[in-house]
Amino acid sequence: MTDEPERPLAHDAYEQLAAGYDELGDTKPWNAYLERPATLSLLPDTEGDWVLDAGCGAGHLTRELGTRGATVVGLDASPRMLQYARKRAPDADFLRANLGSPLPFSDGSFDGIASSLAFHYVRDWDSLFAELRRVITEDGWVVCSVQHPHADFEGYDDAQNYHEIERVSAVWESFGEAVEVPAYRRPLSAMVEPALTNGFELDELREATPVEEFRELDPEAYERAATNPYFLCLRFSLS
């Protein structure tokens, strides 16, 4: 399906980050009060739906989907992340799999797919969206958040050409130990076109802005988040 290696790009990094994600994911402002509220705001009514949490991490979005009445399957490539996710969302099902490979589900298995900050670890989005299209129903939807293309290009020291898909990396220190995290950055067009060519329509595009709880925890960072783009949230449905 793709030319990616069997082991996902950021596998080792997220094995190291898992404990920090588990501990801080509910309160770390950039996640809890910037990206996650924007992602959740794009979700349709999920009561009674079967939803795939694609790249579920430590299960924070999985748990939220469950509280909204969805039957959730969480998928992630990191065994340590899945350990935490199973504790956080005990009513969900979980399995280990790579988003850069064919998904282990039959056609039309889900009413919708939600994904929080996971797709930018996959290089081939055409194959990714072909698989997402395959495993959802004819009236299905996809809601995803990714790193903002402008922030990526400005923020990664090894970014060279905005218009290309580039492998980049940065050292993260905000989840405990310093960990080098690789990713793929891409222009906005390369985020939207793979979905469109696989039969989706773009319903909404939202550039995340912080909620008030962010200001209360970190006023200085709040001002940066309120005036600069960091995360992009997208909702697609089938045309």
C-alpha atoms as a PDB file:
ATOM      1  CA  MET A   1       0.000   0.000   0.000  1.00  0.00           C
ATOM      2  CA  THR A   2       2.846   2.412   0.789  1.00  0.00           C
ATOM      3  CA  ASP A   3       6.615   2.456   0.677  1.00  0.00           C
ATOM      4  CA  GLU A   4       6.862   3.058   4.425  1.00  0.00           C
ATOM      5  CA  PRO A   5       8.895   0.685   6.567  1.00  0.00           C
ATOM      6  CA  GLU A   6       7.052  -1.939   8.582  1.00  0.00           C
ATOM      7  CA  ARG A   7       7.772  -0.033  11.796  1.00  0.00           C
ATOM      8  CA  PRO A   8       5.878   3.296  11.740  1.00  0.00           C
ATOM      9  CA  LEU A   9       7.896   6.495  11.496  1.00  0.00           C
ATOM     10  CA  ALA A  10       7.389   7.755  15.055  1.00  0.00           C
ATOM     11  CA  HIS A  11       7.039   4.382  16.782  1.00  0.00           C
ATOM     12  CA  ASP A  12      10.150   4.639  18.956  1.00  0.00           C
ATOM     13  CA  ALA A  13       9.474   8.256  19.877  1.00  0.00           C
ATOM     14  CA  TYR A  14       5.955   7.513  21.076  1.00  0.00           C
ATOM     15  CA  GLU A  15       7.076   4.512  23.061  1.00  0.00           C
ATOM     16  CA  GLN A  16       9.252   6.975  24.997  1.00  0.00           C
ATOM     17  CA  LEU A  17       6.542   9.650  25.186  1.00  0.00           C
ATOM     18  CA  ALA A  18       3.701   7.368  26.297  1.00  0.00           C
ATOM     19  CA  ALA A  19       3.968   7.892  30.055  1.00  0.00           C
ATOM     20  CA  GLY A  20       4.083  11.666  29.644  1.00  0.00           C
ATOM     21  CA  TYR A  21       1.099  11.652  27.299  1.00  0.00           C
ATOM     22  CA  ASP A  22      -0.867   9.585  29.775  1.00  0.00           C
ATOM     23  CA  GLU A  23      -0.007  11.850  32.697  1.00  0.00           C
ATOM     24  CA  LEU A  24      -0.334  15.246  31.007  1.00  0.00           C
ATOM     25  CA  GLY A  25      -2.827  14.711  28.199  1.00  0.00           C
ATOM     26  CA  ASP A  26      -5.827  15.906  30.203  1.00  0.00           C
ATOM     27  CA  THR A  27      -4.195  19.152  31.344  1.00  0.00           C
ATOM     28  CA  LYS A  28      -1.389  20.097  28.927  1.00  0.00           C
ATOM     29  CA  PRO A  29      -2.774  23.323  27.410  1.00  0.00           C
ATOM     30  CA  TRP A  30      -1.649  22.734  23.813  1.00  0.00           C
ATOM     31  CA  ASN A  31      -3.551  19.453  23.723  1.00  0.00           C
ATOM     32  CA  ALA A  32      -6.385  19.802  26.203  1.00  0.00           C
ATOM     33  CA  TYR A  33      -7.283  23.451  25.549  1.00  0.00           C
ATOM     34  CA  LEU A  34      -6.200  24.090  21.965  1.00  0.00           C
ATOM     35  CA  GLU A  35      -6.185  21.068  19.646  1.00  0.00           C
ATOM     36  CA  ARG A  36      -8.749  18.824  21.332  1.00  0.00           C
ATOM     37  CA  PRO A  37     -11.597  21.370  21.662  1.00  0.00           C
ATOM     38  CA  ALA A  38     -11.225  22.316  17.998  1.00  0.00           C
ATOM     39  CA  THR A  39     -11.262  18.677  16.922  1.00  0.00           C
ATOM     40  CA  LEU A  40     -14.280  17.860  19.070  1.00  0.00           C
ATOM     41  CA  SER A  41     -16.166  20.853  17.701  1.00  0.00           C
ATOM     42  CA  LEU A  42     -16.166  19.248  14.235  1.00  0.00           C
ATOM     43  CA  LEU A  43     -17.636  15.921  15.316  1.00  0.00           C
ATOM     44  CA  PRO A  44     -21.181  15.131  14.218  1.00  0.00           C
ATOM     45  CA  ASP A  45     -23.659  13.431  16.548  1.00  0.00           C
ATOM     46  CA  THR A  46     -21.995  10.083  17.299  1.00  0.00           C
ATOM     47  CA  GLU A  47     -24.734   8.538  19.450  1.00  0.00           C
ATOM     48  CA  GLY A  48     -25.016   4.894  18.431  1.00  0.00           C
ATOM     49  CA  ASP A  49     -22.254   5.142  15.807  1.00  0.00           C
ATOM     50  CA  TRP A  50     -19.306   2.842  15.301  1.00  0.00           C
ATOM     51  CA  VAL A  51     -16.247   5.105  15.276  1.00  0.00           C
ATOM     52  CA  LEU A  52     -12.584   4.370  14.629  1.00  0.00           C
ATOM     53  CA  ASP A  53     -10.090   6.432  16.629  1.00  0.00           C
ATOM     54  CA  ALA A  54      -7.197   6.307  14.170  1.00  0.00           C
ATOM     55  CA  GLY A  55      -3.938   6.848  16.038  1.00  0.00           C
ATOM     56  CA  CYS A  56      -5.606   6.822  19.449  1.00  0.00           C
ATOM     57  CA  GLY A  57      -2.466   7.387  21.524  1.00  0.00           C
ATOM     58  CA  ALA A  58      -3.214   7.198  25.245  1.00  0.00           C
ATOM     59  CA  GLY A  59      -6.960   7.208  24.635  1.00  0.00           C
ATOM     60  CA  HIS A  60      -8.032  10.766  25.431  1.00  0.00           C
ATOM     61  CA  LEU A  61     -10.148  11.157  22.284  1.00  0.00           C
ATOM     62  CA  THR A  62     -11.334   7.547  22.574  1.00  0.00           C
ATOM     63  CA  ARG A  63     -12.765   8.265  25.996  1.00  0.00           C
ATOM     64  CA  GLU A  64     -14.507  11.421  24.757  1.00  0.00           C
ATOM     65  CA  LEU A  65     -16.092   9.577  21.842  1.00  0.00           C
ATOM     66  CA  GLY A  66     -17.401   6.974  24.275  1.00  0.00           C
ATOM     67  CA  THR A  67     -19.031   9.619  26.469  1.00  0.00           C
ATOM     68  CA  ARG A  68     -20.842  10.833  23.324  1.00  0.00           C
ATOM     69  CA  GLY A  69     -22.488   7.465  22.831  1.00  0.00           C
ATOM     70  CA  ALA A  70     -20.199   5.948  20.213  1.00  0.00           C
ATOM     71  CA  THR A  71     -18.928   2.397  20.116  1.00  0.00           C
ATOM     72  CA  VAL A  72     -15.217   3.017  19.640  1.00  0.00           C
ATOM     73  CA  VAL A  73     -12.312   1.027  18.275  1.00  0.00           C
ATOM     74  CA  GLY A  74      -8.924   2.591  19.018  1.00  0.00           C
ATOM     75  CA  LEU A  75      -5.982   1.881  16.734  1.00  0.00           C
ATOM     76  CA  ASP A  76      -2.364   2.750  17.427  1.00  0.00           C
ATOM     77  CA  ALA A  77       1.095   1.435  16.562  1.00  0.00           C
ATOM     78  CA  SER A  78       2.597   1.988  20.035  1.00  0.00           C
ATOM     79  CA  PRO A  79       2.112  -0.858  22.530  1.00  0.00           C
ATOM     80  CA  ARG A  80       2.794   1.456  25.480  1.00  0.00           C
ATOM     81  CA  MET A  81       0.242   3.998  24.271  1.00  0.00           C
ATOM     82  CA  LEU A  82      -2.322   1.227  23.947  1.00  0.00           C
ATOM     83  CA  GLN A  83      -1.684   0.103  27.526  1.00  0.00           C
ATOM     84  CA  TYR A  84      -2.688   3.540  28.764  1.00  0.00           C
ATOM     85  CA  ALA A  85      -5.589   3.815  26.333  1.00  0.00           C
ATOM     86  CA  ARG A  86      -7.135   0.568  27.557  1.00  0.00           C
ATOM     87  CA  LYS A  87      -7.130   1.897  31.118  1.00  0.00           C
ATOM     88  CA  ARG A  88      -8.512   5.293  30.110  1.00  0.00           C
ATOM     89  CA  ALA A  89     -11.335   3.935  27.944  1.00  0.00           C
ATOM     90  CA  PRO A  90     -12.128   0.433  29.227  1.00  0.00           C
ATOM     91  CA  ASP A  91     -15.354   0.146  27.229  1.00  0.00           C
ATOM     92  CA  ALA A  92     -13.562   0.581  23.891  1.00  0.00           C
ATOM     93  CA  ASP A  93     -11.796  -2.068  21.853  1.00  0.00           C
ATOM     94  CA  PHE A  94      -8.165  -1.542  20.877  1.00  0.00           C
ATOM     95  CA  LEU A  95      -5.730  -3.042  18.451  1.00  0.00           C
ATOM     96  CA  ARG A  96      -2.198  -2.400  17.328  1.00  0.00           C
ATOM     97  CA  ALA A  97      -1.824  -1.405  13.668  1.00  0.00           C
ATOM     98  CA  ASN A  98      -0.005   1.054  11.421  1.00  0.00           C
ATOM     99  CA  LEU A  99      -1.944   3.802   9.641  1.00  0.00           C
ATOM    100  CA  GLY A 100       0.602   3.593   6.839  1.00  0.00           C
ATOM    101  CA  SER A 101      -0.513   0.022   6.021  1.00  0.00           C
ATOM    102  CA  PRO A 102      -3.842  -1.542   4.982  1.00  0.00           C
ATOM    103  CA  LEU A 103      -6.308  -1.270   7.847  1.00  0.00           C
ATOM    104  CA  PRO A 104      -7.383  -4.568   9.463  1.00  0.00           C
ATOM    105  CA  PHE A 105     -11.113  -4.002   8.978  1.00  0.00           C
ATOM    106  CA  SER A 106     -13.695  -5.097   6.447  1.00  0.00           C
ATOM    107  CA  ASP A 107     -15.355  -2.647   4.059  1.00  0.00           C
ATOM    108  CA  GLY A 108     -17.900  -0.304   5.648  1.00  0.00           C
ATOM    109  CA  SER A 109     -17.018  -1.209   9.247  1.00  0.00           C
ATOM    110  CA  PHE A 110     -17.437   2.295  10.690  1.00  0.00           C
ATOM    111  CA  ASP A 111     -19.855   5.206  10.571  1.00  0.00           C
ATOM    112  CA  GLY A 112     -16.988   7.637  11.077  1.00  0.00           C
ATOM    113  CA  ILE A 113     -13.298   8.050  11.772  1.00  0.00           C
ATOM    114  CA  ALA A 114     -11.726  10.498  14.215  1.00  0.00           C
ATOM    115  CA  SER A 115      -8.008  11.155  14.430  1.00  0.00           C
ATOM    116  CA  SER A 116      -6.061  13.472  16.704  1.00  0.00           C
ATOM    117  CA  LEU A 117      -2.566  14.522  15.555  1.00  0.00           C
ATOM    118  CA  ALA A 118      -1.687  11.222  13.900  1.00  0.00           C
ATOM    119  CA  PHE A 119      -1.874  11.595  10.114  1.00  0.00           C
ATOM    120  CA  HIS A 120       1.332  13.646   9.865  1.00  0.00           C
ATOM    121  CA  TYR A 121       3.301  10.480  10.667  1.00  0.00           C
ATOM    122  CA  VAL A 122       2.068   8.911   7.423  1.00  0.00           C
ATOM    123  CA  ARG A 123       3.760   9.920   4.171  1.00  0.00           C
ATOM    124  CA  ASP A 124       1.282   8.547   1.613  1.00  0.00           C
ATOM    125  CA  TRP A 125      -2.061  10.225   2.235  1.00  0.00           C
ATOM    126  CA  ASP A 126      -3.559   9.017  -1.040  1.00  0.00           C
ATOM    127  CA  SER A 127      -3.322   5.418   0.173  1.00  0.00           C
ATOM    128  CA  LEU A 128      -4.388   6.489   3.673  1.00  0.00           C
ATOM    129  CA  PHE A 129      -7.583   8.153   2.476  1.00  0.00           C
ATOM    130  CA  ALA A 130      -8.316   5.264   0.123  1.00  0.00           C
ATOM    131  CA  GLU A 131      -8.292   3.002   3.178  1.00  0.00           C
ATOM    132  CA  LEU A 132     -10.380   5.418   5.248  1.00  0.00           C
ATOM    133  CA  ARG A 133     -12.893   5.513   2.394  1.00  0.00           C
ATOM    134  CA  ARG A 134     -12.989   1.738   2.237  1.00  0.00           C
ATOM    135  CA  VAL A 135     -13.716   1.121   5.917  1.00  0.00           C
ATOM    136  CA  ILE A 136     -16.533   3.673   6.388  1.00  0.00           C
ATOM    137  CA  THR A 137     -20.164   3.485   5.325  1.00  0.00           C
ATOM    138  CA  GLU A 138     -21.546   5.313   2.291  1.00  0.00           C
ATOM    139  CA  ASP A 139     -22.603   8.282   4.445  1.00  0.00           C
ATOM    140  CA  GLY A 140     -19.492   8.185   6.608  1.00  0.00           C
ATOM    141  CA  TRP A 141     -17.238  11.008   7.773  1.00  0.00           C
ATOM    142  CA  VAL A 142     -13.646  11.710   8.804  1.00  0.00           C
ATOM    143  CA  VAL A 143     -12.615  14.314  11.404  1.00  0.00           C
ATOM    144  CA  CYS A 144      -8.893  14.799  11.861  1.00  0.00           C
ATOM    145  CA  SER A 145      -6.406  17.238  13.336  1.00  0.00           C
ATOM    146  CA  VAL A 146      -2.862  17.719  12.079  1.00  0.00           C
ATOM    147  CA  GLN A 147       0.007  20.103  12.607  1.00  0.00           C
ATOM    148  CA  HIS A 148      -0.710  23.353  10.785  1.00  0.00           C
ATOM    149  CA  PRO A 149       1.185  23.545   7.465  1.00  0.00           C
ATOM    150  CA  HIS A 150       2.395  27.089   8.119  1.00  0.00           C
ATOM    151  CA  ALA A 151       3.577  26.257  11.630  1.00  0.00           C
ATOM    152  CA  ASP A 152       5.320  23.167  10.311  1.00  0.00           C
ATOM    153  CA  PHE A 153       7.224  25.029   7.651  1.00  0.00           C
ATOM    154  CA  GLU A 154       8.237  27.843   9.988  1.00  0.00           C
ATOM    155  CA  GLY A 155       8.909  25.636  12.999  1.00  0.00           C
ATOM    156  CA  TYR A 156      10.999  22.763  11.688  1.00  0.00           C
ATOM    157  CA  ASP A 157      14.663  23.634  11.216  1.00  0.00           C
ATOM    158  CA  ASP A 158      15.016  21.019   8.473  1.00  0.00           C
ATOM    159  CA  ALA A 159      12.017  22.193   6.404  1.00  0.00           C
ATOM    160  CA  GLN A 160      13.267  23.451   3.045  1.00  0.00           C
ATOM    161  CA  ASN A 161      10.449  23.617   0.506  1.00  0.00           C
ATOM    162  CA  TYR A 162       6.897  24.434   1.580  1.00  0.00           C
ATOM    163  CA  HIS A 163       5.432  22.893  -1.566  1.00  0.00           C
ATOM    164  CA  GLU A 164       7.027  19.469  -1.023  1.00  0.00           C
ATOM    165  CA  ILE A 165       6.259  16.625   1.377  1.00  0.00           C
ATOM    166  CA  GLU A 166       9.329  16.484   3.614  1.00  0.00           C
ATOM    167  CA  ARG A 167      10.494  14.278   6.446  1.00  0.00           C
ATOM    168  CA  VAL A 168      11.357  16.531   9.384  1.00  0.00           C
ATOM    169  CA  SER A 169      12.017  16.167  13.089  1.00  0.00           C
ATOM    170  CA  ALA A 170      12.075  18.159  16.310  1.00  0.00           C
ATOM    171  CA  VAL A 171      13.042  17.514  19.929  1.00  0.00           C
ATOM    172  CA  TRP A 172      10.078  17.539  22.317  1.00  0.00           C
ATOM    173  CA  GLU A 173      10.680  18.251  25.998  1.00  0.00           C
ATOM    174  CA  SER A 174       7.193  19.072  27.267  1.00  0.00           C
ATOM    175  CA  PHE A 175       6.188  15.464  28.053  1.00  0.00           C
ATOM    176  CA  GLY A 176       9.155  14.751  30.330  1.00  0.00           C
ATOM    177  CA  GLU A 177      12.426  13.545  28.832  1.00  0.00           C
ATOM    178  CA  ALA A 178      13.715  15.086  25.611  1.00  0.00           C
ATOM    179  CA  VAL A 179      12.657  12.956  22.649  1.00  0.00           C
ATOM    180  CA  GLU A 180      13.357  13.492  18.959  1.00  0.00           C
ATOM    181  CA  VAL A 181      10.069  13.094  17.090  1.00  0.00           C
ATOM    182  CA  PRO A 182      10.064  12.654  13.286  1.00  0.00           C
ATOM    183  CA  ALA A 183       7.090  13.571  11.103  1.00  0.00           C
ATOM    184  CA  TYR A 184       6.122  14.400   7.540  1.00  0.00           C
ATOM    185  CA  ARG A 185       5.248  18.007   6.798  1.00  0.00           C
ATOM    186  CA  ARG A 186       3.282  18.952   3.694  1.00  0.00           C
ATOM    187  CA  PRO A 187       1.557  21.948   2.112  1.00  0.00           C
ATOM    188  CA  LEU A 188      -2.142  22.587   2.640  1.00  0.00           C
ATOM    189  CA  SER A 189      -2.984  21.334  -0.840  1.00  0.00           C
ATOM    190  CA  ALA A 190      -1.393  17.964  -0.058  1.00  0.00           C
ATOM    191  CA  MET A 191      -3.629  17.693   3.012  1.00  0.00           C
ATOM    192  CA  VAL A 192      -6.868  18.241   1.105  1.00  0.00           C
ATOM    193  CA  GLU A 193      -6.329  16.767  -2.363  1.00  0.00           C
ATOM    194  CA  PRO A 194      -5.864  13.119  -1.271  1.00  0.00           C
ATOM    195  CA  ALA A 195      -9.266  13.188   0.397  1.00  0.00           C
ATOM    196  CA  LEU A 196     -10.957  14.812  -2.597  1.00  0.00           C
ATOM    197  CA  THR A 197      -9.466  12.356  -5.075  1.00  0.00           C
ATOM    198  CA  ASN A 198     -10.784   9.467  -2.963  1.00  0.00           C
ATOM    199  CA  GLY A 199     -14.386  10.628  -3.047  1.00  0.00           C
ATOM    200  CA  PHE A 200     -14.593  12.877   0.016  1.00  0.00           C
ATOM    201  CA  GLU A 201     -15.898  16.417   0.262  1.00  0.00           C
ATOM    202  CA  LEU A 202     -14.370  18.992   2.603  1.00  0.00           C
ATOM    203  CA  ASP A 203     -17.159  20.049   4.959  1.00  0.00           C
ATOM    204  CA  GLU A 204     -15.201  22.317   7.270  1.00  0.00           C
ATOM    205  CA  LEU A 205     -11.672  23.515   7.934  1.00  0.00           C
ATOM    206  CA  ARG A 206     -10.863  25.003  11.334  1.00  0.00           C
ATOM    207  CA  GLU A 207      -7.612  26.549  12.549  1.00  0.00           C
ATOM    208  CA  ALA A 208      -7.521  25.827  16.271  1.00  0.00           C
ATOM    209  CA  THR A 209      -7.707  28.728  18.721  1.00  0.00           C
ATOM    210  CA  PRO A 210      -7.295  28.326  22.501  1.00  0.00           C
ATOM    211  CA  VAL A 211     -10.153  28.194  24.991  1.00  0.00           C
ATOM    212  CA  GLU A 212     -10.193  30.191  28.223  1.00  0.00           C
ATOM    213  CA  GLU A 213      -8.728  27.399  30.364  1.00  0.00           C
ATOM    214  CA  PHE A 214      -5.505  27.761  28.372  1.00  0.00           C
ATOM    215  CA  ARG A 215      -5.169  31.407  29.457  1.00  0.00           C
ATOM    216  CA  GLU A 216      -5.699  30.480  33.092  1.00  0.00           C
ATOM    217  CA  LEU A 217      -2.907  27.885  33.028  1.00  0.00           C
ATOM    218  CA  ASP A 218      -0.327  29.725  30.923  1.00  0.00           C
ATOM    219  CA  PRO A 219      -1.135  33.337  29.935  1.00  0.00           C
ATOM    220  CA  GLU A 220       2.068  33.827  27.947  1.00  0.00           C
ATOM    221  CA  ALA A 221       1.632  30.677  25.863  1.00  0.00           C
ATOM    222  CA  TYR A 222      -2.043  31.532  25.442  1.00  0.00           C
ATOM    223  CA  GLU A 223      -1.103  34.739  23.649  1.00  0.00           C
ATOM    224  CA  ARG A 224       1.097  32.781  21.234  1.00  0.00           C
ATOM    225  CA  ALA A 225      -1.625  30.226  20.605  1.00  0.00           C
ATOM    226  CA  ALA A 226      -4.235  32.948  20.110  1.00  0.00           C
ATOM    227  CA  THR A 227      -2.197  34.813  17.490  1.00  0.00           C
ATOM    228  CA  ASN A 228      -0.341  32.040  15.621  1.00  0.00           C
ATOM    229  CA  PRO A 229      -1.506  28.881  13.820  1.00  0.00           C
ATOM    230  CA  TYR A 230      -0.485  25.580  15.408  1.00  0.00           C
ATOM    231  CA  PHE A 231      -3.124  22.982  14.527  1.00  0.00           C
ATOM    232  CA  LEU A 232      -5.484  22.451  11.600  1.00  0.00           C
ATOM    233  CA  CYS A 233      -8.735  20.501  12.004  1.00  0.00           C
ATOM    234  CA  LEU A 234     -10.652  19.111   9.031  1.00  0.00           C
ATOM    235  CA  ARG A 235     -13.991  17.378   8.509  1.00  0.00           C
ATOM    236  CA  PHE A 236     -14.623  15.341   5.376  1.00  0.00           C
ATOM    237  CA  SER A 237     -17.713  13.429   4.276  1.00  0.00           C
ATOM    238  CA  LEU A 238     -18.404  11.223   1.287  1.00  0.00           C
ATOM    239  CA  SER A 239     -19.643  12.976  -1.847  1.00  0.00           C
END
